[in-house]
Amino acid sequence: MFEFDDNTPSNWQEYETLFQKLKKSKEMKKRIPDFYFSSGNNGMPWGIWDPKYQPVGIIKVKNE
């Protein structure tokens, strides 16, 4: 999808360790963005801290 070069650095081998740290992060839980509280159709439904995946820092906003 992103067509990265084969030599692009990756931390994929640390995924599980990093994910566990994310789940336990009090700071991340405290700073959950407001848009998560407005819907149940997102990665953190209704703002309840229970990560199911690691965020990648991309959000798509649809303007009408």
C-alpha atoms as a PDB file:
ATOM      1  CA  MET A   1       0.000   0.000   0.000  1.00  0.00           C
ATOM      2  CA  PHE A   2       2.711   2.501   0.986  1.00  0.00           C
ATOM      3  CA  GLU A   3       5.397   0.955  -1.224  1.00  0.00           C
ATOM      4  CA  PHE A   4       8.273   1.243   1.266  1.00  0.00           C
ATOM      5  CA  ASP A   5      11.752   0.261   0.175  1.00  0.00           C
ATOM      6  CA  ASP A   6      12.953  -3.130   1.481  1.00  0.00           C
ATOM      7  CA  ASN A   7      15.660  -1.353   3.504  1.00  0.00           C
ATOM      8  CA  THR A   8      13.221   0.886   5.383  1.00  0.00           C
ATOM      9  CA  PRO A   9      13.844   0.612   9.160  1.00  0.00           C
ATOM     10  CA  SER A  10      11.097  -1.126  11.116  1.00  0.00           C
ATOM     11  CA  ASN A  11      10.226  -1.875  14.719  1.00  0.00           C
ATOM     12  CA  TRP A  12       7.715  -4.575  13.751  1.00  0.00           C
ATOM     13  CA  GLN A  13       9.621  -7.188  15.781  1.00  0.00           C
ATOM     14  CA  GLU A  14       8.816  -5.101  18.896  1.00  0.00           C
ATOM     15  CA  TYR A  15       5.097  -4.816  18.123  1.00  0.00           C
ATOM     16  CA  GLU A  16       3.800  -6.867  21.069  1.00  0.00           C
ATOM     17  CA  THR A  17       6.082  -5.186  23.625  1.00  0.00           C
ATOM     18  CA  LEU A  18       5.145  -1.719  22.375  1.00  0.00           C
ATOM     19  CA  PHE A  19       1.451  -2.633  22.285  1.00  0.00           C
ATOM     20  CA  GLN A  20       1.515  -3.789  25.912  1.00  0.00           C
ATOM     21  CA  LYS A  21       3.188  -0.513  26.922  1.00  0.00           C
ATOM     22  CA  LEU A  22       0.505   1.411  25.044  1.00  0.00           C
ATOM     23  CA  LYS A  23      -2.292  -0.481  26.823  1.00  0.00           C
ATOM     24  CA  LYS A  24      -0.747   0.258  30.236  1.00  0.00           C
ATOM     25  CA  SER A  25      -0.004   3.921  29.513  1.00  0.00           C
ATOM     26  CA  LYS A  26      -1.801   6.169  32.002  1.00  0.00           C
ATOM     27  CA  GLU A  27      -0.706   9.252  30.073  1.00  0.00           C
ATOM     28  CA  MET A  28      -2.201   8.001  26.801  1.00  0.00           C
ATOM     29  CA  LYS A  29      -5.442   7.098  28.574  1.00  0.00           C
ATOM     30  CA  LYS A  30      -5.595  10.561  30.119  1.00  0.00           C
ATOM     31  CA  ARG A  31      -5.021  12.294  26.777  1.00  0.00           C
ATOM     32  CA  ILE A  32      -7.396  10.336  24.536  1.00  0.00           C
ATOM     33  CA  PRO A  33      -8.578  12.745  21.797  1.00  0.00           C
ATOM     34  CA  ASP A  34     -12.097  14.178  22.067  1.00  0.00           C
ATOM     35  CA  PHE A  35     -13.255  12.719  18.753  1.00  0.00           C
ATOM     36  CA  TYR A  36     -13.186   9.217  20.267  1.00  0.00           C
ATOM     37  CA  PHE A  37     -15.949  10.211  22.714  1.00  0.00           C
ATOM     38  CA  SER A  38     -18.400  11.196  19.972  1.00  0.00           C
ATOM     39  CA  SER A  39     -18.987   7.779  18.422  1.00  0.00           C
ATOM     40  CA  GLY A  40     -18.934   4.057  18.936  1.00  0.00           C
ATOM     41  CA  ASN A  41     -17.608   3.545  15.411  1.00  0.00           C
ATOM     42  CA  ASN A  42     -13.878   4.045  15.933  1.00  0.00           C
ATOM     43  CA  GLY A  43     -10.841   2.382  17.517  1.00  0.00           C
ATOM     44  CA  MET A  44     -11.769   3.552  21.016  1.00  0.00           C
ATOM     45  CA  PRO A  45     -15.604   3.413  21.067  1.00  0.00           C
ATOM     46  CA  TRP A  46     -17.182   6.144  23.205  1.00  0.00           C
ATOM     47  CA  GLY A  47     -13.760   7.041  24.617  1.00  0.00           C
ATOM     48  CA  ILE A  48     -13.346   3.838  26.634  1.00  0.00           C
ATOM     49  CA  TRP A  49      -9.621   3.087  26.926  1.00  0.00           C
ATOM     50  CA  ASP A  50      -9.223  -0.423  25.551  1.00  0.00           C
ATOM     51  CA  PRO A  51      -6.792  -0.325  22.603  1.00  0.00           C
ATOM     52  CA  LYS A  52      -7.279  -3.097  20.049  1.00  0.00           C
ATOM     53  CA  TYR A  53      -4.457  -1.993  17.755  1.00  0.00           C
ATOM     54  CA  GLN A  54      -1.584   0.467  17.648  1.00  0.00           C
ATOM     55  CA  PRO A  55      -2.471   3.850  16.181  1.00  0.00           C
ATOM     56  CA  VAL A  56      -0.528   5.041  13.172  1.00  0.00           C
ATOM     57  CA  GLY A  57      -1.247   8.749  13.544  1.00  0.00           C
ATOM     58  CA  ILE A  58      -3.502   9.159  10.519  1.00  0.00           C
ATOM     59  CA  ILE A  59      -7.026  10.537  10.626  1.00  0.00           C
ATOM     60  CA  LYS A  60      -9.245  11.258   7.664  1.00  0.00           C
ATOM     61  CA  VAL A  61     -11.812  14.003   8.114  1.00  0.00           C
ATOM     62  CA  LYS A  62     -14.616  14.233   5.611  1.00  0.00           C
ATOM     63  CA  ASN A  63     -15.721  17.815   4.922  1.00  0.00           C
ATOM     64  CA  GLU A  64     -19.139  18.351   3.446  1.00  0.00           C
END
